[in-house]
Amino acid sequence: MTTVVVRKDKEGSYKGFYCMGHAEYARKGKPDILCAAISALTIGTVNSLDELAGEKITVASDEKTGFLKCDFEGILHEKSSFLMDSMVFSLENLSREYGRKYLQVKFEEV
């Protein structure tokens, strides 16, 4: 299962997110469409925040374990918050569609 934890402060501003694990939706040895979708959304968001929005971020990852962590320095610009809203919206839809036993989206106050 993949768990995505979205981190926000008390005011509701995004502070970062991290992902852990592989969805394991597909049978072993077969391409996993859910894992690919999660990766596309999370990595695409990280790349967009960095390259398109110019946010200062710190990223750590481990492809083997399915770990991705992205921390934000300071408060995100409005367009960057919209990118995060879009990622969260899409991940929550995937969780509903494929099931929480494969993908869980959680929120953490920091």
PDB file of N, CA and C in Angstrom:
ATOM      1  N   MET A   1       0.829  -1.178   0.000  1.00  0.00           N
ATOM      2  CA  MET A   1       0.000   0.000   0.000  1.00  0.00           C
ATOM      3  C   MET A   1       0.878   1.247   0.000  1.00  0.00           C
ATOM      4  N   THR A   2       0.398   2.276  -0.689  1.00  0.00           N
ATOM      5  CA  THR A   2       1.062   3.580  -0.668  1.00  0.00           C
ATOM      6  C   THR A   2       0.306   4.495   0.278  1.00  0.00           C
ATOM      7  N   THR A   3       1.045   5.168   1.112  1.00  0.00           N
ATOM      8  CA  THR A   3       0.479   6.190   1.986  1.00  0.00           C
ATOM      9  C   THR A   3       1.094   7.522   1.594  1.00  0.00           C
ATOM     10  N   VAL A   4       0.243   8.501   1.348  1.00  0.00           N
ATOM     11  CA  VAL A   4       0.698   9.862   1.068  1.00  0.00           C
ATOM     12  C   VAL A   4       0.260  10.720   2.242  1.00  0.00           C
ATOM     13  N   VAL A   5       1.219  11.380   2.875  1.00  0.00           N
ATOM     14  CA  VAL A   5       0.934  12.246   4.012  1.00  0.00           C
ATOM     15  C   VAL A   5       1.200  13.683   3.585  1.00  0.00           C
ATOM     16  N   VAL A   6       0.157  14.499   3.629  1.00  0.00           N
ATOM     17  CA  VAL A   6       0.239  15.912   3.264  1.00  0.00           C
ATOM     18  C   VAL A   6       0.380  16.701   4.560  1.00  0.00           C
ATOM     19  N   ARG A   7       1.420  17.511   4.617  1.00  0.00           N
ATOM     20  CA  ARG A   7       1.730  18.256   5.835  1.00  0.00           C
ATOM     21  C   ARG A   7       1.308  19.720   5.685  1.00  0.00           C
ATOM     22  N   LYS A   8       0.510  20.194   6.667  1.00  0.00           N
ATOM     23  CA  LYS A   8       0.057  21.588   6.680  1.00  0.00           C
ATOM     24  C   LYS A   8       0.288  22.183   8.063  1.00  0.00           C
ATOM     25  N   ASP A   9       0.409  23.529   8.106  1.00  0.00           N
ATOM     26  CA  ASP A   9       0.520  24.189   9.402  1.00  0.00           C
ATOM     27  C   ASP A   9      -0.881  24.505   9.948  1.00  0.00           C
ATOM     28  N   LYS A  10      -0.937  25.147  11.109  1.00  0.00           N
ATOM     29  CA  LYS A  10      -2.222  25.439  11.760  1.00  0.00           C
ATOM     30  C   LYS A  10      -3.111  26.358  10.934  1.00  0.00           C
ATOM     31  N   GLU A  11      -2.486  27.175  10.097  1.00  0.00           N
ATOM     32  CA  GLU A  11      -3.248  28.098   9.246  1.00  0.00           C
ATOM     33  C   GLU A  11      -3.730  27.429   7.962  1.00  0.00           C
ATOM     34  N   GLY A  12      -3.329  26.183   7.730  1.00  0.00           N
ATOM     35  CA  GLY A  12      -3.757  25.457   6.535  1.00  0.00           C
ATOM     36  C   GLY A  12      -2.812  25.588   5.350  1.00  0.00           C
ATOM     37  N   SER A  13      -1.649  26.198   5.562  1.00  0.00           N
ATOM     38  CA  SER A  13      -0.666  26.339   4.480  1.00  0.00           C
ATOM     39  C   SER A  13       0.124  25.038   4.330  1.00  0.00           C
ATOM     40  N   TYR A  14       0.347  24.658   3.095  1.00  0.00           N
ATOM     41  CA  TYR A  14       1.126  23.452   2.823  1.00  0.00           C
ATOM     42  C   TYR A  14       2.572  23.628   3.280  1.00  0.00           C
ATOM     43  N   LYS A  15       3.108  22.606   3.938  1.00  0.00           N
ATOM     44  CA  LYS A  15       4.505  22.607   4.368  1.00  0.00           C
ATOM     45  C   LYS A  15       5.313  21.524   3.658  1.00  0.00           C
ATOM     46  N   GLY A  16       4.623  20.575   3.018  1.00  0.00           N
ATOM     47  CA  GLY A  16       5.292  19.509   2.293  1.00  0.00           C
ATOM     48  C   GLY A  16       4.431  18.267   2.255  1.00  0.00           C
ATOM     49  N   PHE A  17       5.011  17.186   1.739  1.00  0.00           N
ATOM     50  CA  PHE A  17       4.320  15.900   1.718  1.00  0.00           C
ATOM     51  C   PHE A  17       5.352  14.796   1.587  1.00  0.00           C
ATOM     52  N   TYR A  18       4.923  13.585   1.934  1.00  0.00           N
ATOM     53  CA  TYR A  18       5.777  12.434   1.691  1.00  0.00           C
ATOM     54  C   TYR A  18       4.919  11.222   1.350  1.00  0.00           C
ATOM     55  N   CYS A  19       5.511  10.320   0.593  1.00  0.00           N
ATOM     56  CA  CYS A  19       4.864   9.084   0.145  1.00  0.00           C
ATOM     57  C   CYS A  19       5.717   7.918   0.611  1.00  0.00           C
ATOM     58  N   MET A  20       5.034   6.847   0.969  1.00  0.00           N
ATOM     59  CA  MET A  20       5.744   5.650   1.413  1.00  0.00           C
ATOM     60  C   MET A  20       5.067   4.426   0.815  1.00  0.00           C
ATOM     61  N   GLY A  21       5.863   3.502   0.324  1.00  0.00           N
ATOM     62  CA  GLY A  21       5.367   2.203  -0.104  1.00  0.00           C
ATOM     63  C   GLY A  21       4.934   2.139  -1.552  1.00  0.00           C
ATOM     64  N   HIS A  22       4.688   0.926  -1.983  1.00  0.00           N
ATOM     65  CA  HIS A  22       4.190   0.654  -3.327  1.00  0.00           C
ATOM     66  C   HIS A  22       2.739   0.214  -3.222  1.00  0.00           C
ATOM     67  N   ALA A  23       1.931   0.600  -4.184  1.00  0.00           N
ATOM     68  CA  ALA A  23       0.496   0.311  -4.139  1.00  0.00           C
ATOM     69  C   ALA A  23       0.206  -1.190  -4.142  1.00  0.00           C
ATOM     70  N   GLU A  24       0.972  -1.946  -4.909  1.00  0.00           N
ATOM     71  CA  GLU A  24       0.776  -3.395  -5.051  1.00  0.00           C
ATOM     72  C   GLU A  24      -0.637  -3.724  -5.536  1.00  0.00           C
ATOM     73  N   TYR A  25      -1.149  -2.894  -6.444  1.00  0.00           N
ATOM     74  CA  TYR A  25      -2.463  -3.118  -7.036  1.00  0.00           C
ATOM     75  C   TYR A  25      -2.399  -4.254  -8.059  1.00  0.00           C
ATOM     76  N   ALA A  26      -1.335  -4.271  -8.864  1.00  0.00           N
ATOM     77  CA  ALA A  26      -1.168  -5.302  -9.893  1.00  0.00           C
ATOM     78  C   ALA A  26      -0.502  -6.539  -9.294  1.00  0.00           C
ATOM     79  N   ARG A  27      -0.669  -7.643  -9.964  1.00  0.00           N
ATOM     80  CA  ARG A  27       0.010  -8.871  -9.538  1.00  0.00           C
ATOM     81  C   ARG A  27       1.515  -8.697  -9.679  1.00  0.00           C
ATOM     82  N   LYS A  28       2.243  -9.400  -8.836  1.00  0.00           N
ATOM     83  CA  LYS A  28       3.702  -9.316  -8.837  1.00  0.00           C
ATOM     84  C   LYS A  28       4.247  -9.598 -10.240  1.00  0.00           C
ATOM     85  N   GLY A  29       5.151  -8.741 -10.692  1.00  0.00           N
ATOM     86  CA  GLY A  29       5.761  -8.891 -12.006  1.00  0.00           C
ATOM     87  C   GLY A  29       5.019  -8.199 -13.131  1.00  0.00           C
ATOM     88  N   LYS A  30       3.811  -7.690 -12.852  1.00  0.00           N
ATOM     89  CA  LYS A  30       3.005  -6.984 -13.856  1.00  0.00           C
ATOM     90  C   LYS A  30       3.103  -5.480 -13.627  1.00  0.00           C
ATOM     91  N   PRO A  31       2.943  -4.687 -14.682  1.00  0.00           N
ATOM     92  CA  PRO A  31       2.959  -3.232 -14.508  1.00  0.00           C
ATOM     93  C   PRO A  31       1.815  -2.793 -13.586  1.00  0.00           C
ATOM     94  N   ASP A  32       2.123  -1.917 -12.665  1.00  0.00           N
ATOM     95  CA  ASP A  32       1.129  -1.456 -11.698  1.00  0.00           C
ATOM     96  C   ASP A  32       0.648  -0.067 -12.094  1.00  0.00           C
ATOM     97  N   ILE A  33      -0.546  -0.001 -12.673  1.00  0.00           N
ATOM     98  CA  ILE A  33      -1.090   1.258 -13.169  1.00  0.00           C
ATOM     99  C   ILE A  33      -1.332   2.260 -12.042  1.00  0.00           C
ATOM    100  N   LEU A  34      -1.715   1.779 -10.866  1.00  0.00           N
ATOM    101  CA  LEU A  34      -1.960   2.684  -9.746  1.00  0.00           C
ATOM    102  C   LEU A  34      -0.657   3.285  -9.236  1.00  0.00           C
ATOM    103  N   CYS A  35       0.365   2.464  -9.100  1.00  0.00           N
ATOM    104  CA  CYS A  35       1.671   2.962  -8.661  1.00  0.00           C
ATOM    105  C   CYS A  35       2.200   3.998  -9.670  1.00  0.00           C
ATOM    106  N   ALA A  36       2.005   3.719 -10.941  1.00  0.00           N
ATOM    107  CA  ALA A  36       2.452   4.651 -11.979  1.00  0.00           C
ATOM    108  C   ALA A  36       1.696   5.978 -11.884  1.00  0.00           C
ATOM    109  N   ALA A  37       0.397   5.918 -11.622  1.00  0.00           N
ATOM    110  CA  ALA A  37      -0.408   7.142 -11.506  1.00  0.00           C
ATOM    111  C   ALA A  37       0.028   7.964 -10.294  1.00  0.00           C
ATOM    112  N   ILE A  38       0.260   7.294  -9.171  1.00  0.00           N
ATOM    113  CA  ILE A  38       0.712   7.989  -7.966  1.00  0.00           C
ATOM    114  C   ILE A  38       2.058   8.654  -8.223  1.00  0.00           C
ATOM    115  N   SER A  39       2.961   7.938  -8.854  1.00  0.00           N
ATOM    116  CA  SER A  39       4.283   8.488  -9.171  1.00  0.00           C
ATOM    117  C   SER A  39       4.175   9.680 -10.107  1.00  0.00           C
ATOM    118  N   ALA A  40       3.347   9.565 -11.128  1.00  0.00           N
ATOM    119  CA  ALA A  40       3.186  10.666 -12.083  1.00  0.00           C
ATOM    120  C   ALA A  40       2.658  11.916 -11.379  1.00  0.00           C
ATOM    121  N   LEU A  41       1.689  11.739 -10.501  1.00  0.00           N
ATOM    122  CA  LEU A  41       1.116  12.891  -9.793  1.00  0.00           C
ATOM    123  C   LEU A  41       2.112  13.527  -8.832  1.00  0.00           C
ATOM    124  N   THR A  42       2.768  12.712  -8.026  1.00  0.00           N
ATOM    125  CA  THR A  42       3.660  13.264  -7.001  1.00  0.00           C
ATOM    126  C   THR A  42       4.941  13.829  -7.609  1.00  0.00           C
ATOM    127  N   ILE A  43       5.564  13.084  -8.496  1.00  0.00           N
ATOM    128  CA  ILE A  43       6.807  13.566  -9.119  1.00  0.00           C
ATOM    129  C   ILE A  43       6.521  14.744 -10.033  1.00  0.00           C
ATOM    130  N   GLY A  44       5.399  14.688 -10.745  1.00  0.00           N
ATOM    131  CA  GLY A  44       5.005  15.817 -11.598  1.00  0.00           C
ATOM    132  C   GLY A  44       4.784  17.082 -10.787  1.00  0.00           C
ATOM    133  N   THR A  45       4.179  16.945  -9.624  1.00  0.00           N
ATOM    134  CA  THR A  45       3.959  18.098  -8.751  1.00  0.00           C
ATOM    135  C   THR A  45       5.283  18.654  -8.240  1.00  0.00           C
ATOM    136  N   VAL A  46       6.179  17.775  -7.798  1.00  0.00           N
ATOM    137  CA  VAL A  46       7.500  18.220  -7.338  1.00  0.00           C
ATOM    138  C   VAL A  46       8.219  18.980  -8.447  1.00  0.00           C
ATOM    139  N   ASN A  47       8.234  18.412  -9.645  1.00  0.00           N
ATOM    140  CA  ASN A  47       8.919  19.062 -10.771  1.00  0.00           C
ATOM    141  C   ASN A  47       8.273  20.403 -11.123  1.00  0.00           C
ATOM    142  N   SER A  48       6.948  20.466 -11.082  1.00  0.00           N
ATOM    143  CA  SER A  48       6.249  21.718 -11.387  1.00  0.00           C
ATOM    144  C   SER A  48       6.518  22.788 -10.334  1.00  0.00           C
ATOM    145  N   LEU A  49       6.516  22.388  -9.066  1.00  0.00           N
ATOM    146  CA  LEU A  49       6.822  23.343  -8.003  1.00  0.00           C
ATOM    147  C   LEU A  49       8.226  23.914  -8.168  1.00  0.00           C
ATOM    148  N   ASP A  50       9.144  23.065  -8.553  1.00  0.00           N
ATOM    149  CA  ASP A  50      10.541  23.478  -8.712  1.00  0.00           C
ATOM    150  C   ASP A  50      10.739  24.296  -9.986  1.00  0.00           C
ATOM    151  N   GLU A  51      10.406  23.718 -11.118  1.00  0.00           N
ATOM    152  CA  GLU A  51      10.738  24.327 -12.420  1.00  0.00           C
ATOM    153  C   GLU A  51       9.767  25.410 -12.879  1.00  0.00           C
ATOM    154  N   LEU A  52       8.466  25.194 -12.686  1.00  0.00           N
ATOM    155  CA  LEU A  52       7.480  26.152 -13.200  1.00  0.00           C
ATOM    156  C   LEU A  52       7.144  27.248 -12.196  1.00  0.00           C
ATOM    157  N   ALA A  53       7.022  26.866 -10.924  1.00  0.00           N
ATOM    158  CA  ALA A  53       6.621  27.841  -9.906  1.00  0.00           C
ATOM    159  C   ALA A  53       7.812  28.483  -9.212  1.00  0.00           C
ATOM    160  N   GLY A  54       9.007  27.890  -9.338  1.00  0.00           N
ATOM    161  CA  GLY A  54      10.204  28.464  -8.738  1.00  0.00           C
ATOM    162  C   GLY A  54      10.249  28.390  -7.221  1.00  0.00           C
ATOM    163  N   GLU A  55       9.532  27.432  -6.646  1.00  0.00           N
ATOM    164  CA  GLU A  55       9.536  27.287  -5.183  1.00  0.00           C
ATOM    165  C   GLU A  55      10.864  26.696  -4.720  1.00  0.00           C
ATOM    166  N   LYS A  56      11.243  27.059  -3.510  1.00  0.00           N
ATOM    167  CA  LYS A  56      12.430  26.466  -2.893  1.00  0.00           C
ATOM    168  C   LYS A  56      11.971  25.233  -2.132  1.00  0.00           C
ATOM    169  N   ILE A  57      12.428  24.073  -2.596  1.00  0.00           N
ATOM    170  CA  ILE A  57      11.997  22.812  -1.997  1.00  0.00           C
ATOM    171  C   ILE A  57      13.207  21.922  -1.733  1.00  0.00           C
ATOM    172  N   THR A  58      13.029  20.996  -0.815  1.00  0.00           N
ATOM    173  CA  THR A  58      14.026  19.974  -0.537  1.00  0.00           C
ATOM    174  C   THR A  58      13.367  18.634  -0.819  1.00  0.00           C
ATOM    175  N   VAL A  59      14.041  17.802  -1.611  1.00  0.00           N
ATOM    176  CA  VAL A  59      13.462  16.532  -2.032  1.00  0.00           C
ATOM    177  C   VAL A  59      14.395  15.386  -1.674  1.00  0.00           C
ATOM    178  N   ALA A  60      13.801  14.304  -1.193  1.00  0.00           N
ATOM    179  CA  ALA A  60      14.522  13.055  -0.937  1.00  0.00           C
ATOM    180  C   ALA A  60      13.672  11.928  -1.495  1.00  0.00           C
ATOM    181  N   SER A  61      14.333  10.900  -2.044  1.00  0.00           N
ATOM    182  CA  SER A  61      13.561   9.786  -2.598  1.00  0.00           C
ATOM    183  C   SER A  61      14.358   8.489  -2.569  1.00  0.00           C
ATOM    184  N   ASP A  62      13.612   7.398  -2.618  1.00  0.00           N
ATOM    185  CA  ASP A  62      14.175   6.061  -2.718  1.00  0.00           C
ATOM    186  C   ASP A  62      13.190   5.235  -3.537  1.00  0.00           C
ATOM    187  N   GLU A  63      13.500   5.062  -4.816  1.00  0.00           N
ATOM    188  CA  GLU A  63      12.602   4.378  -5.739  1.00  0.00           C
ATOM    189  C   GLU A  63      12.302   2.948  -5.299  1.00  0.00           C
ATOM    190  N   LYS A  64      13.294   2.287  -4.743  1.00  0.00           N
ATOM    191  CA  LYS A  64      13.126   0.887  -4.342  1.00  0.00           C
ATOM    192  C   LYS A  64      12.030   0.724  -3.289  1.00  0.00           C
ATOM    193  N   THR A  65      11.991   1.622  -2.317  1.00  0.00           N
ATOM    194  CA  THR A  65      10.998   1.522  -1.245  1.00  0.00           C
ATOM    195  C   THR A  65       9.739   2.337  -1.524  1.00  0.00           C
ATOM    196  N   GLY A  66       9.745   3.115  -2.607  1.00  0.00           N
ATOM    197  CA  GLY A  66       8.591   3.944  -2.929  1.00  0.00           C
ATOM    198  C   GLY A  66       8.494   5.190  -2.065  1.00  0.00           C
ATOM    199  N   PHE A  67       9.637   5.668  -1.580  1.00  0.00           N
ATOM    200  CA  PHE A  67       9.659   6.837  -0.709  1.00  0.00           C
ATOM    201  C   PHE A  67       9.945   8.100  -1.508  1.00  0.00           C
ATOM    202  N   LEU A  68       9.151   9.133  -1.258  1.00  0.00           N
ATOM    203  CA  LEU A  68       9.379  10.461  -1.831  1.00  0.00           C
ATOM    204  C   LEU A  68       8.976  11.477  -0.776  1.00  0.00           C
ATOM    205  N   LYS A  69       9.868  12.401  -0.479  1.00  0.00           N
ATOM    206  CA  LYS A  69       9.576  13.456   0.493  1.00  0.00           C
ATOM    207  C   LYS A  69       9.898  14.799  -0.134  1.00  0.00           C
ATOM    208  N   CYS A  70       8.990  15.742   0.033  1.00  0.00           N
ATOM    209  CA  CYS A  70       9.182  17.095  -0.486  1.00  0.00           C
ATOM    210  C   CYS A  70       8.806  18.076   0.615  1.00  0.00           C
ATOM    211  N   ASP A  71       9.775  18.885   1.043  1.00  0.00           N
ATOM    212  CA  ASP A  71       9.548  19.909   2.058  1.00  0.00           C
ATOM    213  C   ASP A  71       9.626  21.280   1.403  1.00  0.00           C
ATOM    214  N   PHE A  72       8.750  22.183   1.836  1.00  0.00           N
ATOM    215  CA  PHE A  72       8.710  23.533   1.283  1.00  0.00           C
ATOM    216  C   PHE A  72       9.386  24.502   2.234  1.00  0.00           C
ATOM    217  N   GLU A  73      10.174  25.389   1.660  1.00  0.00           N
ATOM    218  CA  GLU A  73      10.801  26.452   2.438  1.00  0.00           C
ATOM    219  C   GLU A  73       9.891  27.669   2.377  1.00  0.00           C
ATOM    220  N   GLY A  74       9.303  28.033   3.498  1.00  0.00           N
ATOM    221  CA  GLY A  74       8.416  29.190   3.529  1.00  0.00           C
ATOM    222  C   GLY A  74       7.019  28.852   3.044  1.00  0.00           C
ATOM    223  N   ILE A  75       6.259  29.916   2.798  1.00  0.00           N
ATOM    224  CA  ILE A  75       4.866  29.783   2.365  1.00  0.00           C
ATOM    225  C   ILE A  75       4.827  29.718   0.846  1.00  0.00           C
ATOM    226  N   LEU A  76       4.033  28.804   0.322  1.00  0.00           N
ATOM    227  CA  LEU A  76       3.925  28.640  -1.129  1.00  0.00           C
ATOM    228  C   LEU A  76       3.179  29.808  -1.760  1.00  0.00           C
ATOM    229  N   HIS A  77       3.544  30.116  -2.995  1.00  0.00           N
ATOM    230  CA  HIS A  77       2.800  31.088  -3.784  1.00  0.00           C
ATOM    231  C   HIS A  77       1.416  30.504  -4.083  1.00  0.00           C
ATOM    232  N   GLU A  78       0.480  31.354  -4.464  1.00  0.00           N
ATOM    233  CA  GLU A  78      -0.893  30.919  -4.733  1.00  0.00           C
ATOM    234  C   GLU A  78      -0.944  29.831  -5.809  1.00  0.00           C
ATOM    235  N   LYS A  79      -0.172  30.000  -6.886  1.00  0.00           N
ATOM    236  CA  LYS A  79      -0.190  29.004  -7.961  1.00  0.00           C
ATOM    237  C   LYS A  79       0.370  27.667  -7.476  1.00  0.00           C
ATOM    238  N   SER A  80       1.294  27.700  -6.553  1.00  0.00           N
ATOM    239  CA  SER A  80       1.877  26.475  -6.011  1.00  0.00           C
ATOM    240  C   SER A  80       0.881  25.764  -5.099  1.00  0.00           C
ATOM    241  N   SER A  81       0.122  26.519  -4.331  1.00  0.00           N
ATOM    242  CA  SER A  81      -0.931  25.927  -3.501  1.00  0.00           C
ATOM    243  C   SER A  81      -1.974  25.254  -4.382  1.00  0.00           C
ATOM    244  N   PHE A  82      -2.266  25.877  -5.521  1.00  0.00           N
ATOM    245  CA  PHE A  82      -3.205  25.275  -6.466  1.00  0.00           C
ATOM    246  C   PHE A  82      -2.656  23.956  -7.015  1.00  0.00           C
ATOM    247  N   LEU A  83      -1.356  23.900  -7.308  1.00  0.00           N
ATOM    248  CA  LEU A  83      -0.735  22.645  -7.755  1.00  0.00           C
ATOM    249  C   LEU A  83      -0.893  21.559  -6.684  1.00  0.00           C
ATOM    250  N   MET A  84      -0.678  21.925  -5.438  1.00  0.00           N
ATOM    251  CA  MET A  84      -0.840  20.964  -4.341  1.00  0.00           C
ATOM    252  C   MET A  84      -2.298  20.545  -4.192  1.00  0.00           C
ATOM    253  N   ASP A  85      -3.226  21.505  -4.286  1.00  0.00           N
ATOM    254  CA  ASP A  85      -4.652  21.169  -4.225  1.00  0.00           C
ATOM    255  C   ASP A  85      -5.007  20.156  -5.309  1.00  0.00           C
ATOM    256  N   SER A  86      -4.482  20.370  -6.498  1.00  0.00           N
ATOM    257  CA  SER A  86      -4.752  19.478  -7.623  1.00  0.00           C
ATOM    258  C   SER A  86      -4.191  18.082  -7.369  1.00  0.00           C
ATOM    259  N   MET A  87      -2.963  17.998  -6.847  1.00  0.00           N
ATOM    260  CA  MET A  87      -2.358  16.697  -6.550  1.00  0.00           C
ATOM    261  C   MET A  87      -3.186  15.954  -5.500  1.00  0.00           C
ATOM    262  N   VAL A  88      -3.545  16.649  -4.427  1.00  0.00           N
ATOM    263  CA  VAL A  88      -4.323  16.026  -3.349  1.00  0.00           C
ATOM    264  C   VAL A  88      -5.681  15.566  -3.874  1.00  0.00           C
ATOM    265  N   PHE A  89      -6.349  16.406  -4.632  1.00  0.00           N
ATOM    266  CA  PHE A  89      -7.649  16.065  -5.221  1.00  0.00           C
ATOM    267  C   PHE A  89      -7.545  14.795  -6.063  1.00  0.00           C
ATOM    268  N   SER A  90      -6.533  14.731  -6.908  1.00  0.00           N
ATOM    269  CA  SER A  90      -6.350  13.575  -7.789  1.00  0.00           C
ATOM    270  C   SER A  90      -6.008  12.311  -7.009  1.00  0.00           C
ATOM    271  N   LEU A  91      -5.142  12.431  -6.004  1.00  0.00           N
ATOM    272  CA  LEU A  91      -4.786  11.271  -5.187  1.00  0.00           C
ATOM    273  C   LEU A  91      -5.993  10.753  -4.401  1.00  0.00           C
ATOM    274  N   GLU A  92      -6.794  11.658  -3.858  1.00  0.00           N
ATOM    275  CA  GLU A  92      -7.988  11.239  -3.123  1.00  0.00           C
ATOM    276  C   GLU A  92      -8.977  10.528  -4.049  1.00  0.00           C
ATOM    277  N   ASN A  93      -9.101  10.997  -5.277  1.00  0.00           N
ATOM    278  CA  ASN A  93      -9.969  10.325  -6.252  1.00  0.00           C
ATOM    279  C   ASN A  93      -9.454   8.927  -6.568  1.00  0.00           C
ATOM    280  N   LEU A  94      -8.136   8.790  -6.736  1.00  0.00           N
ATOM    281  CA  LEU A  94      -7.558   7.460  -6.984  1.00  0.00           C
ATOM    282  C   LEU A  94      -7.808   6.532  -5.808  1.00  0.00           C
ATOM    283  N   SER A  95      -7.689   7.047  -4.594  1.00  0.00           N
ATOM    284  CA  SER A  95      -7.921   6.248  -3.399  1.00  0.00           C
ATOM    285  C   SER A  95      -9.359   5.740  -3.356  1.00  0.00           C
ATOM    286  N   ARG A  96     -10.304   6.599  -3.697  1.00  0.00           N
ATOM    287  CA  ARG A  96     -11.711   6.186  -3.729  1.00  0.00           C
ATOM    288  C   ARG A  96     -11.962   5.158  -4.834  1.00  0.00           C
ATOM    289  N   GLU A  97     -11.356   5.390  -5.989  1.00  0.00           N
ATOM    290  CA  GLU A  97     -11.597   4.519  -7.139  1.00  0.00           C
ATOM    291  C   GLU A  97     -10.965   3.133  -6.986  1.00  0.00           C
ATOM    292  N   TYR A  98      -9.727   3.077  -6.507  1.00  0.00           N
ATOM    293  CA  TYR A  98      -9.006   1.808  -6.434  1.00  0.00           C
ATOM    294  C   TYR A  98      -9.080   1.164  -5.048  1.00  0.00           C
ATOM    295  N   GLY A  99      -9.375   1.943  -4.036  1.00  0.00           N
ATOM    296  CA  GLY A  99      -9.529   1.402  -2.693  1.00  0.00           C
ATOM    297  C   GLY A  99      -8.428   1.831  -1.740  1.00  0.00           C
ATOM    298  N   ARG A 100      -8.829   2.023  -0.493  1.00  0.00           N
ATOM    299  CA  ARG A 100      -7.891   2.465   0.540  1.00  0.00           C
ATOM    300  C   ARG A 100      -6.894   1.380   0.922  1.00  0.00           C
ATOM    301  N   LYS A 101      -7.131   0.150   0.514  1.00  0.00           N
ATOM    302  CA  LYS A 101      -6.134  -0.882   0.826  1.00  0.00           C
ATOM    303  C   LYS A 101      -4.905  -0.749  -0.081  1.00  0.00           C
ATOM    304  N   TYR A 102      -5.016   0.075  -1.139  1.00  0.00           N
ATOM    305  CA  TYR A 102      -3.895   0.313  -2.051  1.00  0.00           C
ATOM    306  C   TYR A 102      -3.297   1.714  -1.909  1.00  0.00           C
ATOM    307  N   LEU A 103      -4.149   2.703  -1.575  1.00  0.00           N
ATOM    308  CA  LEU A 103      -3.686   4.094  -1.472  1.00  0.00           C
ATOM    309  C   LEU A 103      -4.470   4.811  -0.383  1.00  0.00           C
ATOM    310  N   GLN A 104      -3.730   5.399   0.551  1.00  0.00           N
ATOM    311  CA  GLN A 104      -4.341   6.226   1.590  1.00  0.00           C
ATOM    312  C   GLN A 104      -3.705   7.603   1.554  1.00  0.00           C
ATOM    313  N   VAL A 105      -4.561   8.621   1.633  1.00  0.00           N
ATOM    314  CA  VAL A 105      -4.103  10.001   1.695  1.00  0.00           C
ATOM    315  C   VAL A 105      -4.450  10.521   3.088  1.00  0.00           C
ATOM    316  N   LYS A 106      -3.428  10.989   3.793  1.00  0.00           N
ATOM    317  CA  LYS A 106      -3.610  11.469   5.160  1.00  0.00           C
ATOM    318  C   LYS A 106      -3.079  12.898   5.273  1.00  0.00           C
ATOM    319  N   PHE A 107      -3.512  13.573   6.335  1.00  0.00           N
ATOM    320  CA  PHE A 107      -3.067  14.937   6.592  1.00  0.00           C
ATOM    321  C   PHE A 107      -2.430  14.998   7.964  1.00  0.00           C
ATOM    322  N   GLU A 108      -1.380  15.809   8.065  1.00  0.00           N
ATOM    323  CA  GLU A 108      -0.630  15.940   9.309  1.00  0.00           C
ATOM    324  C   GLU A 108      -0.415  17.425   9.576  1.00  0.00           C
ATOM    325  N   GLU A 109      -0.722  17.839  10.790  1.00  0.00           N
ATOM    326  CA  GLU A 109      -0.478  19.242  11.164  1.00  0.00           C
ATOM    327  C   GLU A 109       0.918  19.355  11.749  1.00  0.00           C
ATOM    328  N   VAL A 110       1.676  20.320  11.220  1.00  0.00           N
ATOM    329  CA  VAL A 110       3.049  20.528  11.698  1.00  0.00           C
ATOM    330  C   VAL A 110       3.219  21.924  12.265  1.00  0.00           C
TER     331      VAL A 110
END
